[in-house]
C-alpha cells in the first residue's frame, strides 16, 4: 500500500522536509517586494534576507542563491531593555 502525502514523491527528501515546515520554493512564489524573509540556500544554510525587486537581475540573483523562503516569525512577546525586561504590559521586571 502506498504512503500518500500532499508532497511530490519525486522531490528530494530535504525538500519534502522544507515544504512540510512551511517553506515556499522560489520556483513557486517569491516574497513581496521589500519583505524580509528567512531563506534556505543551495548549500543548506539559512539567512535573513530582504527581498527587493528593482531589476530582472535582482529576481535572478534571489532565485540563484536560495531554494526556499518563509516569512519571519513574530518577535517575542517581551522586549529587552538595559537593566531589566519589559513585559507586554510595559511593567518593568527586575533582572535576577
Foldseek 3Di string as FASTA:
>chain_A
DDDDDPDDPPDPPVVVVCVVVPWAFLVVDDDDAQAWWWFAFPVGDIDTDGQHDDDVVSSVVVNNGGGTIHHDDDDDQWDDDPQAIQHVVRDTDGDD
